[in-house]
Amino acid sequence: FAPRAYFQAVVHHGSMYVIGGQDFNFPQSNFFNDVWR
């Protein structure tokens, strides 16, 4: 997954998930709505 901060991670049915977050690009961050397992 792309480097990011302030995303969420949770365990669900034996897998961890990375959800959303931002990348702090200047002048405006990209905000993610991708999900990784």
PDB file of all heavy atoms in Angstrom:
ATOM      1  N   PHE A   1       0.845  -1.196   0.000  1.00  0.00           N
ATOM      2  CA  PHE A   1       0.000   0.000   0.000  1.00  0.00           C
ATOM      3  C   PHE A   1       0.886   1.254   0.000  1.00  0.00           C
ATOM      4  O   PHE A   1       2.046   1.219   0.425  1.00  0.00           O
ATOM      5  CB  PHE A   1      -0.947   0.002   1.202  1.00  0.00           C
ATOM      6  CG  PHE A   1      -0.254  -0.274   2.510  1.00  0.00           C
ATOM      7  CD1 PHE A   1       0.336   0.750   3.222  1.00  0.00           C
ATOM      8  CD2 PHE A   1      -0.188  -1.557   3.017  1.00  0.00           C
ATOM      9  CE1 PHE A   1       0.982   0.499   4.415  1.00  0.00           C
ATOM     10  CE2 PHE A   1       0.445  -1.821   4.213  1.00  0.00           C
ATOM     11  CZ  PHE A   1       1.049  -0.775   4.910  1.00  0.00           C
ATOM     12  N   ALA A   2       0.328   2.376  -0.464  1.00  0.00           N
ATOM     13  CA  ALA A   2       1.063   3.637  -0.483  1.00  0.00           C
ATOM     14  C   ALA A   2       1.359   4.093   0.942  1.00  0.00           C
ATOM     15  O   ALA A   2       0.522   3.907   1.835  1.00  0.00           O
ATOM     16  CB  ALA A   2       0.244   4.706  -1.205  1.00  0.00           C
ATOM     17  N   PRO A   3       2.526   4.689   1.185  1.00  0.00           N
ATOM     18  CA  PRO A   3       2.811   5.233   2.511  1.00  0.00           C
ATOM     19  C   PRO A   3       1.703   6.188   2.941  1.00  0.00           C
ATOM     20  O   PRO A   3       1.172   6.940   2.117  1.00  0.00           O
ATOM     21  CB  PRO A   3       4.137   5.962   2.309  1.00  0.00           C
ATOM     22  CG  PRO A   3       4.801   5.210   1.193  1.00  0.00           C
ATOM     23  CD  PRO A   3       3.654   4.860   0.265  1.00  0.00           C
ATOM     24  N   ARG A   4       1.393   6.165   4.256  1.00  0.00           N
ATOM     25  CA  ARG A   4       0.262   6.940   4.759  1.00  0.00           C
ATOM     26  C   ARG A   4       0.315   7.084   6.268  1.00  0.00           C
ATOM     27  O   ARG A   4       1.029   6.367   6.939  1.00  0.00           O
ATOM     28  CB  ARG A   4      -1.057   6.288   4.362  1.00  0.00           C
ATOM     29  CG  ARG A   4      -1.228   4.907   5.002  1.00  0.00           C
ATOM     30  CD  ARG A   4      -2.392   4.094   4.440  1.00  0.00           C
ATOM     31  NE  ARG A   4      -2.148   3.759   3.055  1.00  0.00           N
ATOM     32  CZ  ARG A   4      -3.108   3.567   2.149  1.00  0.00           C
ATOM     33  NH1 ARG A   4      -4.368   3.626   2.497  1.00  0.00           N
ATOM     34  NH2 ARG A   4      -2.809   3.288   0.908  1.00  0.00           N
ATOM     35  N   ALA A   5      -0.506   7.993   6.763  1.00  0.00           N
ATOM     36  CA  ALA A   5      -0.676   8.185   8.199  1.00  0.00           C
ATOM     37  C   ALA A   5      -2.165   8.412   8.477  1.00  0.00           C
ATOM     38  O   ALA A   5      -2.943   8.668   7.549  1.00  0.00           O
ATOM     39  CB  ALA A   5       0.146   9.369   8.687  1.00  0.00           C
ATOM     40  N   TYR A   6      -2.519   8.319   9.742  1.00  0.00           N
ATOM     41  CA  TYR A   6      -3.891   8.570  10.214  1.00  0.00           C
ATOM     42  C   TYR A   6      -4.935   7.737   9.482  1.00  0.00           C
ATOM     43  O   TYR A   6      -6.048   8.153   9.251  1.00  0.00           O
ATOM     44  CB  TYR A   6      -4.205  10.068  10.177  1.00  0.00           C
ATOM     45  CG  TYR A   6      -3.175  10.835  10.959  1.00  0.00           C
ATOM     46  CD1 TYR A   6      -2.260  11.658  10.323  1.00  0.00           C
ATOM     47  CD2 TYR A   6      -3.081  10.667  12.329  1.00  0.00           C
ATOM     48  CE1 TYR A   6      -1.275  12.324  11.031  1.00  0.00           C
ATOM     49  CE2 TYR A   6      -2.100  11.326  13.053  1.00  0.00           C
ATOM     50  CZ  TYR A   6      -1.202  12.151  12.405  1.00  0.00           C
ATOM     51  OH  TYR A   6      -0.227  12.791  13.122  1.00  0.00           O
ATOM     52  N   PHE A   7      -4.532   6.531   9.114  1.00  0.00           N
ATOM     53  CA  PHE A   7      -5.418   5.523   8.534  1.00  0.00           C
ATOM     54  C   PHE A   7      -5.986   4.702   9.683  1.00  0.00           C
ATOM     55  O   PHE A   7      -5.761   5.012  10.850  1.00  0.00           O
ATOM     56  CB  PHE A   7      -4.627   4.635   7.556  1.00  0.00           C
ATOM     57  CG  PHE A   7      -3.474   3.924   8.222  1.00  0.00           C
ATOM     58  CD1 PHE A   7      -3.589   2.606   8.615  1.00  0.00           C
ATOM     59  CD2 PHE A   7      -2.282   4.580   8.475  1.00  0.00           C
ATOM     60  CE1 PHE A   7      -2.535   1.948   9.246  1.00  0.00           C
ATOM     61  CE2 PHE A   7      -1.225   3.943   9.098  1.00  0.00           C
ATOM     62  CZ  PHE A   7      -1.356   2.627   9.495  1.00  0.00           C
ATOM     63  N   GLN A   8      -6.672   3.641   9.375  1.00  0.00           N
ATOM     64  CA  GLN A   8      -7.140   2.722  10.410  1.00  0.00           C
ATOM     65  C   GLN A   8      -6.644   1.324  10.081  1.00  0.00           C
ATOM     66  O   GLN A   8      -6.470   0.972   8.917  1.00  0.00           O
ATOM     67  CB  GLN A   8      -8.666   2.730  10.506  1.00  0.00           C
ATOM     68  CG  GLN A   8      -9.219   2.020  11.717  1.00  0.00           C
ATOM     69  CD  GLN A   8      -8.575   2.442  13.030  1.00  0.00           C
ATOM     70  OE1 GLN A   8      -7.723   1.736  13.540  1.00  0.00           O
ATOM     71  NE2 GLN A   8      -8.963   3.581  13.559  1.00  0.00           N
ATOM     72  N   ALA A   9      -6.386   0.556  11.117  1.00  0.00           N
ATOM     73  CA  ALA A   9      -6.022  -0.852  10.963  1.00  0.00           C
ATOM     74  C   ALA A   9      -6.864  -1.639  11.954  1.00  0.00           C
ATOM     75  O   ALA A   9      -7.056  -1.214  13.098  1.00  0.00           O
ATOM     76  CB  ALA A   9      -4.545  -1.070  11.215  1.00  0.00           C
ATOM     77  N   VAL A  10      -7.361  -2.763  11.498  1.00  0.00           N
ATOM     78  CA  VAL A  10      -8.229  -3.587  12.328  1.00  0.00           C
ATOM     79  C   VAL A  10      -8.023  -5.042  11.935  1.00  0.00           C
ATOM     80  O   VAL A  10      -7.666  -5.330  10.790  1.00  0.00           O
ATOM     81  CB  VAL A  10      -9.713  -3.148  12.163  1.00  0.00           C
ATOM     82  CG1 VAL A  10     -10.215  -3.378  10.755  1.00  0.00           C
ATOM     83  CG2 VAL A  10     -10.614  -3.795  13.179  1.00  0.00           C
ATOM     84  N   VAL A  11      -8.226  -5.949  12.883  1.00  0.00           N
ATOM     85  CA  VAL A  11      -8.157  -7.388  12.604  1.00  0.00           C
ATOM     86  C   VAL A  11      -9.573  -7.900  12.415  1.00  0.00           C
ATOM     87  O   VAL A  11     -10.473  -7.590  13.200  1.00  0.00           O
ATOM     88  CB  VAL A  11      -7.442  -8.139  13.749  1.00  0.00           C
ATOM     89  CG1 VAL A  11      -7.492  -9.642  13.512  1.00  0.00           C
ATOM     90  CG2 VAL A  11      -6.001  -7.665  13.869  1.00  0.00           C
ATOM     91  N   HIS A  12      -9.746  -8.696  11.351  1.00  0.00           N
ATOM     92  CA  HIS A  12     -11.068  -9.224  11.007  1.00  0.00           C
ATOM     93  C   HIS A  12     -10.878 -10.610  10.407  1.00  0.00           C
ATOM     94  O   HIS A  12     -10.174 -10.751   9.400  1.00  0.00           O
ATOM     95  CB  HIS A  12     -11.738  -8.267  10.013  1.00  0.00           C
ATOM     96  CG  HIS A  12     -13.080  -8.683   9.528  1.00  0.00           C
ATOM     97  ND1 HIS A  12     -14.195  -8.680  10.326  1.00  0.00           N
ATOM     98  CD2 HIS A  12     -13.484  -9.100   8.314  1.00  0.00           C
ATOM     99  CE1 HIS A  12     -15.227  -9.084   9.616  1.00  0.00           C
ATOM    100  NE2 HIS A  12     -14.821  -9.345   8.392  1.00  0.00           N
ATOM    101  N   HIS A  13     -11.463 -11.623  11.022  1.00  0.00           N
ATOM    102  CA  HIS A  13     -11.398 -13.004  10.530  1.00  0.00           C
ATOM    103  C   HIS A  13      -9.972 -13.454  10.205  1.00  0.00           C
ATOM    104  O   HIS A  13      -9.706 -14.011   9.134  1.00  0.00           O
ATOM    105  CB  HIS A  13     -12.306 -13.207   9.326  1.00  0.00           C
ATOM    106  CG  HIS A  13     -13.770 -13.051   9.633  1.00  0.00           C
ATOM    107  ND1 HIS A  13     -14.409 -13.778  10.608  1.00  0.00           N
ATOM    108  CD2 HIS A  13     -14.703 -12.241   9.096  1.00  0.00           C
ATOM    109  CE1 HIS A  13     -15.683 -13.432  10.663  1.00  0.00           C
ATOM    110  NE2 HIS A  13     -15.883 -12.485   9.757  1.00  0.00           N
ATOM    111  N   GLY A  14      -9.023 -13.191  11.107  1.00  0.00           N
ATOM    112  CA  GLY A  14      -7.663 -13.688  10.944  1.00  0.00           C
ATOM    113  C   GLY A  14      -6.767 -12.898  10.014  1.00  0.00           C
ATOM    114  O   GLY A  14      -5.645 -13.312   9.740  1.00  0.00           O
ATOM    115  N   SER A  15      -7.242 -11.758   9.517  1.00  0.00           N
ATOM    116  CA  SER A  15      -6.417 -10.886   8.675  1.00  0.00           C
ATOM    117  C   SER A  15      -6.436  -9.479   9.244  1.00  0.00           C
ATOM    118  O   SER A  15      -7.403  -9.074   9.890  1.00  0.00           O
ATOM    119  CB  SER A  15      -6.956 -10.824   7.244  1.00  0.00           C
ATOM    120  OG  SER A  15      -6.781 -12.059   6.587  1.00  0.00           O
ATOM    121  N   MET A  16      -5.347  -8.739   8.993  1.00  0.00           N
ATOM    122  CA  MET A  16      -5.338  -7.320   9.349  1.00  0.00           C
ATOM    123  C   MET A  16      -5.686  -6.516   8.109  1.00  0.00           C
ATOM    124  O   MET A  16      -5.379  -6.923   6.988  1.00  0.00           O
ATOM    125  CB  MET A  16      -3.984  -6.912   9.923  1.00  0.00           C
ATOM    126  CG  MET A  16      -2.831  -6.990   8.972  1.00  0.00           C
ATOM    127  SD  MET A  16      -1.257  -6.682   9.794  1.00  0.00           S
ATOM    128  CE  MET A  16      -0.686  -8.361   9.944  1.00  0.00           C
ATOM    129  N   TYR A  17      -6.367  -5.416   8.332  1.00  0.00           N
ATOM    130  CA  TYR A  17      -6.802  -4.534   7.250  1.00  0.00           C
ATOM    131  C   TYR A  17      -6.230  -3.142   7.467  1.00  0.00           C
ATOM    132  O   TYR A  17      -6.228  -2.644   8.598  1.00  0.00           O
ATOM    133  CB  TYR A  17      -8.331  -4.439   7.206  1.00  0.00           C
ATOM    134  CG  TYR A  17      -8.987  -5.683   6.688  1.00  0.00           C
ATOM    135  CD1 TYR A  17      -9.119  -6.811   7.479  1.00  0.00           C
ATOM    136  CD2 TYR A  17      -9.477  -5.733   5.389  1.00  0.00           C
ATOM    137  CE1 TYR A  17      -9.719  -7.961   7.005  1.00  0.00           C
ATOM    138  CE2 TYR A  17     -10.079  -6.887   4.897  1.00  0.00           C
ATOM    139  CZ  TYR A  17     -10.199  -7.990   5.715  1.00  0.00           C
ATOM    140  OH  TYR A  17     -10.790  -9.131   5.240  1.00  0.00           O
ATOM    141  N   VAL A  18      -5.753  -2.516   6.394  1.00  0.00           N
ATOM    142  CA  VAL A  18      -5.350  -1.118   6.371  1.00  0.00           C
ATOM    143  C   VAL A  18      -6.411  -0.385   5.568  1.00  0.00           C
ATOM    144  O   VAL A  18      -6.708  -0.769   4.426  1.00  0.00           O
ATOM    145  CB  VAL A  18      -3.943  -0.957   5.749  1.00  0.00           C
ATOM    146  CG1 VAL A  18      -3.661   0.487   5.378  1.00  0.00           C
ATOM    147  CG2 VAL A  18      -2.889  -1.478   6.714  1.00  0.00           C
ATOM    148  N   ILE A  19      -6.974   0.674   6.171  1.00  0.00           N
ATOM    149  CA  ILE A  19      -8.134   1.352   5.595  1.00  0.00           C
ATOM    150  C   ILE A  19      -7.899   2.866   5.591  1.00  0.00           C
ATOM    151  O   ILE A  19      -7.644   3.457   6.644  1.00  0.00           O
ATOM    152  CB  ILE A  19      -9.403   1.039   6.422  1.00  0.00           C
ATOM    153  CG1 ILE A  19      -9.620  -0.473   6.519  1.00  0.00           C
ATOM    154  CG2 ILE A  19     -10.614   1.739   5.835  1.00  0.00           C
ATOM    155  CD1 ILE A  19     -10.661  -0.885   7.555  1.00  0.00           C
ATOM    156  N   GLY A  20      -7.992   3.494   4.397  1.00  0.00           N
ATOM    157  CA  GLY A  20      -7.955   4.950   4.295  1.00  0.00           C
ATOM    158  C   GLY A  20      -6.639   5.573   4.696  1.00  0.00           C
ATOM    159  O   GLY A  20      -5.580   4.971   4.610  1.00  0.00           O
ATOM    160  N   GLY A  21      -6.712   6.838   5.154  1.00  0.00           N
ATOM    161  CA  GLY A  21      -5.543   7.599   5.581  1.00  0.00           C
ATOM    162  C   GLY A  21      -5.224   8.741   4.630  1.00  0.00           C
ATOM    163  O   GLY A  21      -5.991   9.046   3.716  1.00  0.00           O
ATOM    164  N   GLN A  22      -4.075   9.388   4.882  1.00  0.00           N
ATOM    165  CA  GLN A  22      -3.655  10.509   4.046  1.00  0.00           C
ATOM    166  C   GLN A  22      -2.154  10.467   3.824  1.00  0.00           C
ATOM    167  O   GLN A  22      -1.431   9.790   4.556  1.00  0.00           O
ATOM    168  CB  GLN A  22      -4.077  11.844   4.662  1.00  0.00           C
ATOM    169  CG  GLN A  22      -3.283  12.252   5.872  1.00  0.00           C
ATOM    170  CD  GLN A  22      -3.804  13.533   6.512  1.00  0.00           C
ATOM    171  OE1 GLN A  22      -4.508  13.447   7.495  1.00  0.00           O
ATOM    172  NE2 GLN A  22      -3.443  14.680   5.960  1.00  0.00           N
ATOM    173  N   ASP A  23      -1.699  11.256   2.805  1.00  0.00           N
ATOM    174  CA  ASP A  23      -0.285  11.197   2.446  1.00  0.00           C
ATOM    175  C   ASP A  23       0.500  12.486   2.640  1.00  0.00           C
ATOM    176  O   ASP A  23       1.685  12.527   2.383  1.00  0.00           O
ATOM    177  CB  ASP A  23      -0.114  10.708   1.012  1.00  0.00           C
ATOM    178  CG  ASP A  23      -0.653  11.687  -0.012  1.00  0.00           C
ATOM    179  OD1 ASP A  23      -1.111  12.800   0.352  1.00  0.00           O
ATOM    180  OD2 ASP A  23      -0.622  11.337  -1.206  1.00  0.00           O
ATOM    181  N   PHE A  24      -0.115  13.565   3.077  1.00  0.00           N
ATOM    182  CA  PHE A  24       0.558  14.832   3.376  1.00  0.00           C
ATOM    183  C   PHE A  24       1.273  15.442   2.182  1.00  0.00           C
ATOM    184  O   PHE A  24       2.287  16.121   2.330  1.00  0.00           O
ATOM    185  CB  PHE A  24       1.521  14.682   4.563  1.00  0.00           C
ATOM    186  CG  PHE A  24       0.791  14.512   5.859  1.00  0.00           C
ATOM    187  CD1 PHE A  24       0.424  13.248   6.277  1.00  0.00           C
ATOM    188  CD2 PHE A  24       0.444  15.599   6.629  1.00  0.00           C
ATOM    189  CE1 PHE A  24      -0.274  13.068   7.458  1.00  0.00           C
ATOM    190  CE2 PHE A  24      -0.253  15.436   7.814  1.00  0.00           C
ATOM    191  CZ  PHE A  24      -0.603  14.175   8.224  1.00  0.00           C
ATOM    192  N   ASN A  25       0.737  15.226   0.971  1.00  0.00           N
ATOM    193  CA  ASN A  25       1.272  15.930  -0.193  1.00  0.00           C
ATOM    194  C   ASN A  25       1.011  17.418  -0.028  1.00  0.00           C
ATOM    195  O   ASN A  25       0.034  17.819   0.584  1.00  0.00           O
ATOM    196  CB  ASN A  25       0.615  15.435  -1.482  1.00  0.00           C
ATOM    197  CG  ASN A  25       1.289  14.208  -2.035  1.00  0.00           C
ATOM    198  OD1 ASN A  25       2.334  13.785  -1.568  1.00  0.00           O
ATOM    199  ND2 ASN A  25       0.673  13.624  -3.042  1.00  0.00           N
ATOM    200  N   PHE A  26       1.872  18.240  -0.599  1.00  0.00           N
ATOM    201  CA  PHE A  26       1.706  19.692  -0.535  1.00  0.00           C
ATOM    202  C   PHE A  26       1.263  20.198  -1.889  1.00  0.00           C
ATOM    203  O   PHE A  26       1.782  19.720  -2.907  1.00  0.00           O
ATOM    204  CB  PHE A  26       3.032  20.346  -0.122  1.00  0.00           C
ATOM    205  CG  PHE A  26       2.932  21.831   0.047  1.00  0.00           C
ATOM    206  CD1 PHE A  26       2.350  22.367   1.187  1.00  0.00           C
ATOM    207  CD2 PHE A  26       3.393  22.686  -0.932  1.00  0.00           C
ATOM    208  CE1 PHE A  26       2.250  23.739   1.346  1.00  0.00           C
ATOM    209  CE2 PHE A  26       3.296  24.063  -0.786  1.00  0.00           C
ATOM    210  CZ  PHE A  26       2.720  24.584   0.361  1.00  0.00           C
ATOM    211  N   PRO A  27       0.301  21.097  -2.010  1.00  0.00           N
ATOM    212  CA  PRO A  27      -0.326  21.847  -0.930  1.00  0.00           C
ATOM    213  C   PRO A  27      -1.556  21.172  -0.315  1.00  0.00           C
ATOM    214  O   PRO A  27      -2.119  21.686   0.647  1.00  0.00           O
ATOM    215  CB  PRO A  27      -0.732  23.149  -1.599  1.00  0.00           C
ATOM    216  CG  PRO A  27      -1.064  22.743  -3.009  1.00  0.00           C
ATOM    217  CD  PRO A  27      -0.097  21.620  -3.331  1.00  0.00           C
ATOM    218  N   GLN A  28      -1.987  20.031  -0.809  1.00  0.00           N
ATOM    219  CA  GLN A  28      -3.176  19.353  -0.282  1.00  0.00           C
ATOM    220  C   GLN A  28      -2.925  17.849  -0.230  1.00  0.00           C
ATOM    221  O   GLN A  28      -2.501  17.259  -1.216  1.00  0.00           O
ATOM    222  CB  GLN A  28      -4.401  19.630  -1.174  1.00  0.00           C
ATOM    223  CG  GLN A  28      -5.650  18.866  -0.829  1.00  0.00           C
ATOM    224  CD  GLN A  28      -6.264  19.302   0.500  1.00  0.00           C
ATOM    225  OE1 GLN A  28      -6.314  20.472   0.812  1.00  0.00           O
ATOM    226  NE2 GLN A  28      -6.727  18.341   1.272  1.00  0.00           N
ATOM    227  N   SER A  29      -3.210  17.243   0.908  1.00  0.00           N
ATOM    228  CA  SER A  29      -3.052  15.788   1.047  1.00  0.00           C
ATOM    229  C   SER A  29      -4.002  15.045   0.126  1.00  0.00           C
ATOM    230  O   SER A  29      -5.090  15.527  -0.184  1.00  0.00           O
ATOM    231  CB  SER A  29      -3.383  15.347   2.478  1.00  0.00           C
ATOM    232  OG  SER A  29      -2.403  15.748   3.385  1.00  0.00           O
ATOM    233  N   ASN A  30      -3.574  13.865  -0.294  1.00  0.00           N
ATOM    234  CA  ASN A  30      -4.482  12.908  -0.904  1.00  0.00           C
ATOM    235  C   ASN A  30      -5.082  12.091   0.235  1.00  0.00           C
ATOM    236  O   ASN A  30      -4.366  11.679   1.150  1.00  0.00           O
ATOM    237  CB  ASN A  30      -3.733  11.980  -1.862  1.00  0.00           C
ATOM    238  CG  ASN A  30      -3.234  12.722  -3.075  1.00  0.00           C
ATOM    239  OD1 ASN A  30      -3.979  13.388  -3.761  1.00  0.00           O
ATOM    240  ND2 ASN A  30      -1.942  12.637  -3.324  1.00  0.00           N
ATOM    241  N   PHE A  31      -6.379  11.881   0.180  1.00  0.00           N
ATOM    242  CA  PHE A  31      -7.079  11.098   1.193  1.00  0.00           C
ATOM    243  C   PHE A  31      -7.523   9.796   0.548  1.00  0.00           C
ATOM    244  O   PHE A  31      -8.179   9.806  -0.487  1.00  0.00           O
ATOM    245  CB  PHE A  31      -8.256  11.888   1.766  1.00  0.00           C
ATOM    246  CG  PHE A  31      -7.790  13.051   2.587  1.00  0.00           C
ATOM    247  CD1 PHE A  31      -7.495  14.272   2.004  1.00  0.00           C
ATOM    248  CD2 PHE A  31      -7.614  12.916   3.954  1.00  0.00           C
ATOM    249  CE1 PHE A  31      -7.039  15.336   2.757  1.00  0.00           C
ATOM    250  CE2 PHE A  31      -7.160  13.970   4.724  1.00  0.00           C
ATOM    251  CZ  PHE A  31      -6.871  15.188   4.122  1.00  0.00           C
ATOM    252  N   PHE A  32      -7.146   8.680   1.163  1.00  0.00           N
ATOM    253  CA  PHE A  32      -7.362   7.361   0.580  1.00  0.00           C
ATOM    254  C   PHE A  32      -8.702   6.759   1.003  1.00  0.00           C
ATOM    255  O   PHE A  32      -9.159   6.969   2.125  1.00  0.00           O
ATOM    256  CB  PHE A  32      -6.247   6.398   1.018  1.00  0.00           C
ATOM    257  CG  PHE A  32      -4.868   6.845   0.627  1.00  0.00           C
ATOM    258  CD1 PHE A  32      -3.961   7.265   1.583  1.00  0.00           C
ATOM    259  CD2 PHE A  32      -4.462   6.837  -0.700  1.00  0.00           C
ATOM    260  CE1 PHE A  32      -2.682   7.666   1.242  1.00  0.00           C
ATOM    261  CE2 PHE A  32      -3.176   7.236  -1.055  1.00  0.00           C
ATOM    262  CZ  PHE A  32      -2.290   7.659  -0.085  1.00  0.00           C
ATOM    263  N   ASN A  33      -9.289   5.991   0.091  1.00  0.00           N
ATOM    264  CA  ASN A  33     -10.439   5.151   0.421  1.00  0.00           C
ATOM    265  C   ASN A  33     -10.206   3.726  -0.077  1.00  0.00           C
ATOM    266  O   ASN A  33     -11.129   3.007  -0.411  1.00  0.00           O
ATOM    267  CB  ASN A  33     -11.756   5.715  -0.113  1.00  0.00           C
ATOM    268  CG  ASN A  33     -11.810   5.795  -1.624  1.00  0.00           C
ATOM    269  OD1 ASN A  33     -10.794   5.752  -2.310  1.00  0.00           O
ATOM    270  ND2 ASN A  33     -13.014   5.919  -2.156  1.00  0.00           N
ATOM    271  N   ASP A  34      -8.927   3.345  -0.084  1.00  0.00           N
ATOM    272  CA  ASP A  34      -8.573   1.979  -0.458  1.00  0.00           C
ATOM    273  C   ASP A  34      -8.550   1.093   0.791  1.00  0.00           C
ATOM    274  O   ASP A  34      -8.518   1.582   1.918  1.00  0.00           O
ATOM    275  CB  ASP A  34      -7.230   1.927  -1.196  1.00  0.00           C
ATOM    276  CG  ASP A  34      -6.086   2.559  -0.416  1.00  0.00           C
ATOM    277  OD1 ASP A  34      -6.322   3.188   0.629  1.00  0.00           O
ATOM    278  OD2 ASP A  34      -4.928   2.421  -0.863  1.00  0.00           O
ATOM    279  N   VAL A  35      -8.596  -0.212   0.565  1.00  0.00           N
ATOM    280  CA  VAL A  35      -8.575  -1.186   1.658  1.00  0.00           C
ATOM    281  C   VAL A  35      -7.625  -2.310   1.261  1.00  0.00           C
ATOM    282  O   VAL A  35      -7.706  -2.842   0.153  1.00  0.00           O
ATOM    283  CB  VAL A  35      -9.984  -1.755   1.942  1.00  0.00           C
ATOM    284  CG1 VAL A  35      -9.939  -2.782   3.067  1.00  0.00           C
ATOM    285  CG2 VAL A  35     -10.969  -0.635   2.265  1.00  0.00           C
ATOM    286  N   TRP A  36      -6.723  -2.653   2.200  1.00  0.00           N
ATOM    287  CA  TRP A  36      -5.708  -3.686   1.988  1.00  0.00           C
ATOM    288  C   TRP A  36      -5.819  -4.731   3.080  1.00  0.00           C
ATOM    289  O   TRP A  36      -6.140  -4.402   4.226  1.00  0.00           O
ATOM    290  CB  TRP A  36      -4.317  -3.068   2.023  1.00  0.00           C
ATOM    291  CG  TRP A  36      -4.075  -2.133   0.885  1.00  0.00           C
ATOM    292  CD1 TRP A  36      -4.475  -0.830   0.772  1.00  0.00           C
ATOM    293  CD2 TRP A  36      -3.378  -2.435  -0.317  1.00  0.00           C
ATOM    294  NE1 TRP A  36      -4.067  -0.306  -0.421  1.00  0.00           N
ATOM    295  CE2 TRP A  36      -3.383  -1.272  -1.115  1.00  0.00           C
ATOM    296  CE3 TRP A  36      -2.738  -3.573  -0.796  1.00  0.00           C
ATOM    297  CZ2 TRP A  36      -2.781  -1.211  -2.361  1.00  0.00           C
ATOM    298  CZ3 TRP A  36      -2.138  -3.519  -2.033  1.00  0.00           C
ATOM    299  CH2 TRP A  36      -2.162  -2.347  -2.812  1.00  0.00           C
ATOM    300  N   ARG A  37      -5.495  -5.993   2.736  1.00  0.00           N
ATOM    301  CA  ARG A  37      -5.616  -7.106   3.688  1.00  0.00           C
ATOM    302  C   ARG A  37      -4.359  -7.965   3.669  1.00  0.00           C
ATOM    303  O   ARG A  37      -3.776  -8.213   2.624  1.00  0.00           O
ATOM    304  CB  ARG A  37      -6.821  -7.964   3.311  1.00  0.00           C
ATOM    305  CG  ARG A  37      -6.953  -9.234   4.126  1.00  0.00           C
ATOM    306  CD  ARG A  37      -8.191 -10.028   3.785  1.00  0.00           C
ATOM    307  NE  ARG A  37      -8.162 -10.422   2.379  1.00  0.00           N
ATOM    308  CZ  ARG A  37      -9.242 -10.702   1.667  1.00  0.00           C
ATOM    309  NH1 ARG A  37     -10.440 -10.619   2.199  1.00  0.00           N
ATOM    310  NH2 ARG A  37      -9.130 -11.069   0.412  1.00  0.00           N
TER     311      ARG A  37
END
